[in-house]
Amino acid sequence: SAGCLFFLSIGIVFLCIAQTMAGTL
C-alpha cells in the first residue's frame, strides 16, 4: 500500500489549499 500513500501525499498540499479557499468562499 506504500505506493498509494506516496501518490496521495502529493495531493495533500492541494487539499489544504482547496479546504482553505473553500472556507474563504
PDB file of all heavy atoms in Angstrom:
ATOM      1  N   SER A   1       0.804  -1.223   0.000  1.00  0.00           N
ATOM      2  CA  SER A   1       0.000   0.000   0.000  1.00  0.00           C
ATOM      3  C   SER A   1       0.835   1.270   0.000  1.00  0.00           C
ATOM      4  O   SER A   1       0.289   2.376  -0.124  1.00  0.00           O
ATOM      5  CB  SER A   1      -0.926   0.014   1.215  1.00  0.00           C
ATOM      6  OG  SER A   1      -0.167   0.000   2.419  1.00  0.00           O
ATOM      7  N   ALA A   2       2.148   1.153   0.118  1.00  0.00           N
ATOM      8  CA  ALA A   2       3.011   2.341   0.213  1.00  0.00           C
ATOM      9  C   ALA A   2       2.911   3.225  -1.026  1.00  0.00           C
ATOM     10  O   ALA A   2       2.978   4.455  -0.931  1.00  0.00           O
ATOM     11  CB  ALA A   2       4.455   1.917   0.449  1.00  0.00           C
ATOM     12  N   GLY A   3       2.738   2.610  -2.201  1.00  0.00           N
ATOM     13  CA  GLY A   3       2.611   3.401  -3.427  1.00  0.00           C
ATOM     14  C   GLY A   3       1.396   4.305  -3.396  1.00  0.00           C
ATOM     15  O   GLY A   3       1.447   5.455  -3.854  1.00  0.00           O
ATOM     16  N   CYS A   4       0.288   3.781  -2.857  1.00  0.00           N
ATOM     17  CA  CYS A   4      -0.925   4.604  -2.732  1.00  0.00           C
ATOM     18  C   CYS A   4      -0.667   5.804  -1.829  1.00  0.00           C
ATOM     19  O   CYS A   4      -1.094   6.925  -2.131  1.00  0.00           O
ATOM     20  CB  CYS A   4      -2.069   3.765  -2.165  1.00  0.00           C
ATOM     21  SG  CYS A   4      -2.695   2.488  -3.277  1.00  0.00           S
ATOM     22  N   LEU A   5       0.034   5.575  -0.712  1.00  0.00           N
ATOM     23  CA  LEU A   5       0.331   6.677   0.206  1.00  0.00           C
ATOM     24  C   LEU A   5       1.210   7.717  -0.475  1.00  0.00           C
ATOM     25  O   LEU A   5       1.005   8.922  -0.314  1.00  0.00           O
ATOM     26  CB  LEU A   5       1.012   6.154   1.466  1.00  0.00           C
ATOM     27  CG  LEU A   5       1.410   7.214   2.502  1.00  0.00           C
ATOM     28  CD1 LEU A   5       0.209   8.041   2.925  1.00  0.00           C
ATOM     29  CD2 LEU A   5       2.071   6.573   3.717  1.00  0.00           C
ATOM     30  N   PHE A   6       2.193   7.266  -1.253  1.00  0.00           N
ATOM     31  CA  PHE A   6       3.087   8.203  -1.947  1.00  0.00           C
ATOM     32  C   PHE A   6       2.285   9.135  -2.863  1.00  0.00           C
ATOM     33  O   PHE A   6       2.442  10.358  -2.824  1.00  0.00           O
ATOM     34  CB  PHE A   6       4.128   7.434  -2.753  1.00  0.00           C
ATOM     35  CG  PHE A   6       5.073   8.320  -3.525  1.00  0.00           C
ATOM     36  CD1 PHE A   6       6.219   8.818  -2.933  1.00  0.00           C
ATOM     37  CD2 PHE A   6       4.797   8.675  -4.841  1.00  0.00           C
ATOM     38  CE1 PHE A   6       7.088   9.654  -3.637  1.00  0.00           C
ATOM     39  CE2 PHE A   6       5.658   9.501  -5.551  1.00  0.00           C
ATOM     40  CZ  PHE A   6       6.808   9.987  -4.952  1.00  0.00           C
ATOM     41  N   PHE A   7       1.412   8.550  -3.694  1.00  0.00           N
ATOM     42  CA  PHE A   7       0.664   9.368  -4.655  1.00  0.00           C
ATOM     43  C   PHE A   7      -0.363  10.256  -3.957  1.00  0.00           C
ATOM     44  O   PHE A   7      -0.552  11.416  -4.351  1.00  0.00           O
ATOM     45  CB  PHE A   7      -0.028   8.471  -5.688  1.00  0.00           C
ATOM     46  CG  PHE A   7       0.928   7.827  -6.652  1.00  0.00           C
ATOM     47  CD1 PHE A   7       1.035   6.448  -6.735  1.00  0.00           C
ATOM     48  CD2 PHE A   7       1.719   8.606  -7.487  1.00  0.00           C
ATOM     49  CE1 PHE A   7       1.925   5.843  -7.621  1.00  0.00           C
ATOM     50  CE2 PHE A   7       2.613   8.018  -8.388  1.00  0.00           C
ATOM     51  CZ  PHE A   7       2.718   6.638  -8.447  1.00  0.00           C
ATOM     52  N   LEU A   8      -1.005   9.756  -2.918  1.00  0.00           N
ATOM     53  CA  LEU A   8      -1.957  10.595  -2.187  1.00  0.00           C
ATOM     54  C   LEU A   8      -1.254  11.732  -1.464  1.00  0.00           C
ATOM     55  O   LEU A   8      -1.810  12.826  -1.312  1.00  0.00           O
ATOM     56  CB  LEU A   8      -2.737   9.745  -1.178  1.00  0.00           C
ATOM     57  CG  LEU A   8      -3.897   8.916  -1.738  1.00  0.00           C
ATOM     58  CD1 LEU A   8      -4.451   7.989  -0.667  1.00  0.00           C
ATOM     59  CD2 LEU A   8      -5.008   9.804  -2.285  1.00  0.00           C
ATOM     60  N   SER A   9      -0.026  11.491  -1.019  1.00  0.00           N
ATOM     61  CA  SER A   9       0.731  12.526  -0.303  1.00  0.00           C
ATOM     62  C   SER A   9       0.981  13.748  -1.175  1.00  0.00           C
ATOM     63  O   SER A   9       1.002  14.878  -0.687  1.00  0.00           O
ATOM     64  CB  SER A   9       2.067  11.957   0.185  1.00  0.00           C
ATOM     65  OG  SER A   9       1.863  10.881   1.060  1.00  0.00           O
ATOM     66  N   ILE A  10       1.174  13.515  -2.478  1.00  0.00           N
ATOM     67  CA  ILE A  10       1.406  14.643  -3.393  1.00  0.00           C
ATOM     68  C   ILE A  10       0.222  15.604  -3.356  1.00  0.00           C
ATOM     69  O   ILE A  10       0.378  16.822  -3.460  1.00  0.00           O
ATOM     70  CB  ILE A  10       1.628  14.120  -4.831  1.00  0.00           C
ATOM     71  CG1 ILE A  10       2.877  13.229  -4.881  1.00  0.00           C
ATOM     72  CG2 ILE A  10       1.770  15.286  -5.820  1.00  0.00           C
ATOM     73  CD1 ILE A  10       3.059  12.497  -6.200  1.00  0.00           C
ATOM     74  N   GLY A  11      -0.962  15.051  -3.188  1.00  0.00           N
ATOM     75  CA  GLY A  11      -2.162  15.886  -3.225  1.00  0.00           C
ATOM     76  C   GLY A  11      -2.496  16.604  -1.938  1.00  0.00           C
ATOM     77  O   GLY A  11      -3.391  17.458  -1.926  1.00  0.00           O
ATOM     78  N   ILE A  12      -1.784  16.293  -0.837  1.00  0.00           N
ATOM     79  CA  ILE A  12      -2.155  16.879   0.457  1.00  0.00           C
ATOM     80  C   ILE A  12      -2.058  18.397   0.438  1.00  0.00           C
ATOM     81  O   ILE A  12      -2.949  19.099   0.937  1.00  0.00           O
ATOM     82  CB  ILE A  12      -1.277  16.301   1.585  1.00  0.00           C
ATOM     83  CG1 ILE A  12      -1.677  14.846   1.861  1.00  0.00           C
ATOM     84  CG2 ILE A  12      -1.425  17.122   2.864  1.00  0.00           C
ATOM     85  CD1 ILE A  12      -0.789  14.154   2.878  1.00  0.00           C
ATOM     86  N   VAL A  13      -1.003  18.933  -0.133  1.00  0.00           N
ATOM     87  CA  VAL A  13      -0.839  20.389  -0.138  1.00  0.00           C
ATOM     88  C   VAL A  13      -1.967  21.045  -0.929  1.00  0.00           C
ATOM     89  O   VAL A  13      -2.473  22.116  -0.550  1.00  0.00           O
ATOM     90  CB  VAL A  13       0.553  20.784  -0.691  1.00  0.00           C
ATOM     91  CG1 VAL A  13       0.696  20.424  -2.157  1.00  0.00           C
ATOM     92  CG2 VAL A  13       0.796  22.277  -0.485  1.00  0.00           C
ATOM     93  N   PHE A  14      -2.411  20.398  -2.011  1.00  0.00           N
ATOM     94  CA  PHE A  14      -3.530  20.945  -2.786  1.00  0.00           C
ATOM     95  C   PHE A  14      -4.851  20.787  -2.031  1.00  0.00           C
ATOM     96  O   PHE A  14      -5.741  21.634  -2.150  1.00  0.00           O
ATOM     97  CB  PHE A  14      -3.605  20.254  -4.154  1.00  0.00           C
ATOM     98  CG  PHE A  14      -2.420  20.530  -5.023  1.00  0.00           C
ATOM     99  CD1 PHE A  14      -1.374  19.621  -5.107  1.00  0.00           C
ATOM    100  CD2 PHE A  14      -2.336  21.713  -5.744  1.00  0.00           C
ATOM    101  CE1 PHE A  14      -0.268  19.878  -5.902  1.00  0.00           C
ATOM    102  CE2 PHE A  14      -1.238  21.979  -6.546  1.00  0.00           C
ATOM    103  CZ  PHE A  14      -0.193  21.056  -6.619  1.00  0.00           C
ATOM    104  N   LEU A  15      -4.969  19.712  -1.258  1.00  0.00           N
ATOM    105  CA  LEU A  15      -6.150  19.533  -0.408  1.00  0.00           C
ATOM    106  C   LEU A  15      -6.226  20.641   0.627  1.00  0.00           C
ATOM    107  O   LEU A  15      -7.306  21.183   0.896  1.00  0.00           O
ATOM    108  CB  LEU A  15      -6.107  18.164   0.262  1.00  0.00           C
ATOM    109  CG  LEU A  15      -7.230  17.828   1.253  1.00  0.00           C
ATOM    110  CD1 LEU A  15      -8.585  17.864   0.571  1.00  0.00           C
ATOM    111  CD2 LEU A  15      -6.990  16.461   1.893  1.00  0.00           C
ATOM    112  N   CYS A  16      -5.088  20.996   1.221  1.00  0.00           N
ATOM    113  CA  CYS A  16      -5.050  22.097   2.198  1.00  0.00           C
ATOM    114  C   CYS A  16      -5.488  23.406   1.555  1.00  0.00           C
ATOM    115  O   CYS A  16      -6.261  24.179   2.140  1.00  0.00           O
ATOM    116  CB  CYS A  16      -3.652  22.221   2.789  1.00  0.00           C
ATOM    117  SG  CYS A  16      -3.184  20.894   3.915  1.00  0.00           S
ATOM    118  N   ILE A  17      -4.981  23.671   0.342  1.00  0.00           N
ATOM    119  CA  ILE A  17      -5.371  24.890  -0.374  1.00  0.00           C
ATOM    120  C   ILE A  17      -6.863  24.864  -0.689  1.00  0.00           C
ATOM    121  O   ILE A  17      -7.575  25.863  -0.516  1.00  0.00           O
ATOM    122  CB  ILE A  17      -4.550  25.051  -1.665  1.00  0.00           C
ATOM    123  CG1 ILE A  17      -3.076  25.303  -1.321  1.00  0.00           C
ATOM    124  CG2 ILE A  17      -5.087  26.188  -2.524  1.00  0.00           C
ATOM    125  CD1 ILE A  17      -2.148  25.262  -2.521  1.00  0.00           C
ATOM    126  N   ALA A  18      -7.347  23.696  -1.160  1.00  0.00           N
ATOM    127  CA  ALA A  18      -8.757  23.573  -1.534  1.00  0.00           C
ATOM    128  C   ALA A  18      -9.658  23.842  -0.340  1.00  0.00           C
ATOM    129  O   ALA A  18     -10.643  24.597  -0.441  1.00  0.00           O
ATOM    130  CB  ALA A  18      -9.018  22.175  -2.095  1.00  0.00           C
ATOM    131  N   GLN A  19      -9.345  23.241   0.820  1.00  0.00           N
ATOM    132  CA  GLN A  19     -10.176  23.430   2.007  1.00  0.00           C
ATOM    133  C   GLN A  19     -10.119  24.871   2.492  1.00  0.00           C
ATOM    134  O   GLN A  19     -11.137  25.447   2.886  1.00  0.00           O
ATOM    135  CB  GLN A  19      -9.714  22.484   3.128  1.00  0.00           C
ATOM    136  CG  GLN A  19      -9.924  21.007   2.839  1.00  0.00           C
ATOM    137  CD  GLN A  19     -11.359  20.555   3.089  1.00  0.00           C
ATOM    138  OE1 GLN A  19     -12.300  21.309   2.904  1.00  0.00           O
ATOM    139  NE2 GLN A  19     -11.524  19.319   3.490  1.00  0.00           N
ATOM    140  N   THR A  20      -8.931  25.454   2.494  1.00  0.00           N
ATOM    141  CA  THR A  20      -8.777  26.824   2.975  1.00  0.00           C
ATOM    142  C   THR A  20      -9.535  27.816   2.099  1.00  0.00           C
ATOM    143  O   THR A  20     -10.232  28.707   2.594  1.00  0.00           O
ATOM    144  CB  THR A  20      -7.288  27.214   3.019  1.00  0.00           C
ATOM    145  OG1 THR A  20      -6.580  26.277   3.829  1.00  0.00           O
ATOM    146  CG2 THR A  20      -7.109  28.603   3.596  1.00  0.00           C
ATOM    147  N   MET A  21      -9.407  27.660   0.786  1.00  0.00           N
ATOM    148  CA  MET A  21     -10.111  28.553  -0.125  1.00  0.00           C
ATOM    149  C   MET A  21     -11.625  28.320  -0.074  1.00  0.00           C
ATOM    150  O   MET A  21     -12.413  29.246  -0.243  1.00  0.00           O
ATOM    151  CB  MET A  21      -9.594  28.364  -1.550  1.00  0.00           C
ATOM    152  CG  MET A  21      -8.134  28.783  -1.748  1.00  0.00           C
ATOM    153  SD  MET A  21      -7.823  30.544  -1.455  1.00  0.00           S
ATOM    154  CE  MET A  21      -6.934  30.479   0.119  1.00  0.00           C
ATOM    155  N   ALA A  22     -12.048  27.071   0.184  1.00  0.00           N
ATOM    156  CA  ALA A  22     -13.479  26.794   0.353  1.00  0.00           C
ATOM    157  C   ALA A  22     -14.007  27.522   1.581  1.00  0.00           C
ATOM    158  O   ALA A  22     -15.121  28.076   1.559  1.00  0.00           O
ATOM    159  CB  ALA A  22     -13.716  25.292   0.473  1.00  0.00           C
ATOM    160  N   GLY A  23     -13.228  27.530   2.665  1.00  0.00           N
ATOM    161  CA  GLY A  23     -13.610  28.272   3.855  1.00  0.00           C
ATOM    162  C   GLY A  23     -13.704  29.769   3.586  1.00  0.00           C
ATOM    163  O   GLY A  23     -14.602  30.451   4.088  1.00  0.00           O
ATOM    164  N   THR A  24     -12.786  30.265   2.773  1.00  0.00           N
ATOM    165  CA  THR A  24     -12.816  31.680   2.397  1.00  0.00           C
ATOM    166  C   THR A  24     -14.078  32.003   1.612  1.00  0.00           C
ATOM    167  O   THR A  24     -14.750  33.014   1.868  1.00  0.00           O
ATOM    168  CB  THR A  24     -11.573  32.033   1.562  1.00  0.00           C
ATOM    169  OG1 THR A  24     -10.396  31.758   2.316  1.00  0.00           O
ATOM    170  CG2 THR A  24     -11.588  33.495   1.160  1.00  0.00           C
ATOM    171  N   LEU A  25     -14.416  31.146   0.642  1.00  0.00           N
ATOM    172  CA  LEU A  25     -15.626  31.359  -0.154  1.00  0.00           C
ATOM    173  C   LEU A  25     -16.879  31.311   0.712  1.00  0.00           C
ATOM    174  O   LEU A  25     -17.817  32.079   0.510  1.00  0.00           O
ATOM    175  CB  LEU A  25     -15.707  30.301  -1.264  1.00  0.00           C
ATOM    176  CG  LEU A  25     -14.665  30.438  -2.385  1.00  0.00           C
ATOM    177  CD1 LEU A  25     -14.659  29.204  -3.264  1.00  0.00           C
ATOM    178  CD2 LEU A  25     -14.961  31.687  -3.225  1.00  0.00           C
TER     179      LEU A  25
END
